[in-house]
Amino acid sequence: MTINENAQKTPTTVLMGRQEAAKYKVQKVDSYKENPLIEALPEIYTQQEVIKFLTNTPKINDEELSESAEIRLL
C-alpha cells in the first residue's frame, strides 16, 4: 500500500466518534475570556459540589459492623 492510498482512505465511524455542538458561556474570570476552549467547558463547580462528587460513603449494614476489623477490611 502506498502513501497516497493511505491518505485517500476515509475513517470508519468507530474512529470518528460523536460530535457535540459546543455551548459557549460568558466567563467571569478575565484570563478565561475570549478562549473558546475554556468557554465551552461546563460551569466551575462550587466547593460543596466538588466535595459531593469526591466523597464516597459506603453503605454498611449491622451484620458487617459486627465482624472483626480484619474481615471488614476485605
Protein backbone atom coordinates (compact mmCIF):
# COMPACT_ATOMS: atom_id res chain seq x y z
CA MET A 1 0.00 0.00 0.00
CA THR A 2 1.47 3.38 -0.97
CA ILE A 3 1.30 6.65 0.95
CA ASN A 4 -1.28 8.07 -1.49
CA GLU A 5 -3.60 5.11 -0.93
CA ASN A 6 -3.46 5.66 2.85
CA ALA A 7 -4.24 9.36 2.51
CA GLN A 8 -7.40 8.68 0.50
CA LYS A 9 -8.98 6.22 2.92
CA THR A 10 -11.96 7.51 4.86
CA PRO A 11 -12.05 6.86 8.61
CA THR A 12 -14.51 4.33 9.95
CA THR A 13 -17.45 5.50 12.02
CA VAL A 14 -15.91 3.88 15.09
CA LEU A 15 -12.87 6.15 14.86
CA MET A 16 -14.87 9.29 14.14
CA GLY A 17 -16.70 9.30 17.45
CA ARG A 18 -19.62 11.53 18.32
CA GLN A 19 -19.55 15.25 17.66
CA GLU A 20 -21.18 17.68 20.08
CA ALA A 21 -22.09 21.25 19.27
CA ALA A 22 -20.22 23.50 21.70
CA LYS A 23 -22.25 25.67 24.06
CA TYR A 24 -20.17 28.72 24.93
CA LYS A 25 -20.61 30.52 28.25
CA VAL A 26 -19.61 34.02 29.27
CA GLN A 27 -16.64 33.72 31.62
CA LYS A 28 -16.32 35.64 34.88
CA VAL A 29 -12.52 35.26 35.08
CA ASP A 30 -10.82 37.80 32.78
CA SER A 31 -7.99 35.48 31.76
CA TYR A 32 -10.57 32.89 30.61
CA LYS A 33 -12.50 35.30 28.36
CA GLU A 34 -12.18 35.05 24.56
CA ASN A 35 -10.78 31.50 24.82
CA PRO A 36 -13.23 29.20 23.02
CA LEU A 37 -11.68 26.07 24.56
CA ILE A 38 -12.36 27.35 28.07
CA GLU A 39 -15.69 28.99 27.25
CA ALA A 40 -17.06 25.62 26.09
CA LEU A 41 -16.26 23.92 29.42
CA PRO A 42 -19.02 23.34 31.99
CA GLU A 43 -19.55 25.81 34.81
CA ILE A 44 -16.99 25.91 37.62
CA TYR A 45 -18.22 23.73 40.48
CA THR A 46 -18.70 25.11 43.98
CA GLN A 47 -16.70 23.65 46.86
CA GLN A 48 -19.80 21.82 48.09
CA GLU A 49 -20.37 20.24 44.66
CA VAL A 50 -16.74 19.09 44.47
CA ILE A 51 -16.96 17.56 47.96
CA LYS A 52 -20.16 15.75 46.99
CA PHE A 53 -18.59 14.36 43.79
CA LEU A 54 -15.41 13.20 45.54
CA THR A 55 -17.00 11.74 48.66
CA ASN A 56 -17.92 8.09 48.64
CA THR A 57 -19.66 6.87 51.77
CA PRO A 58 -20.12 3.12 51.58
CA LYS A 59 -23.34 1.62 52.90
CA ILE A 60 -22.58 -0.71 55.81
CA ASN A 61 -25.18 -2.92 57.42
CA ASP A 62 -25.20 -4.05 61.07
CA GLU A 63 -24.07 -7.56 60.16
CA GLU A 64 -20.87 -6.21 58.61
CA LEU A 65 -20.21 -3.98 61.62
CA SER A 66 -20.26 -6.97 63.95
CA GLU A 67 -17.40 -8.67 62.05
CA SER A 68 -13.77 -8.30 63.14
CA ALA A 69 -11.68 -5.47 61.70
CA GLU A 70 -9.64 -7.92 59.62
CA ILE A 71 -12.76 -9.23 57.90
CA ARG A 72 -14.27 -5.77 57.43
CA LEU A 73 -11.13 -4.55 55.64
CA LEU A 74 -11.56 -7.23 52.99
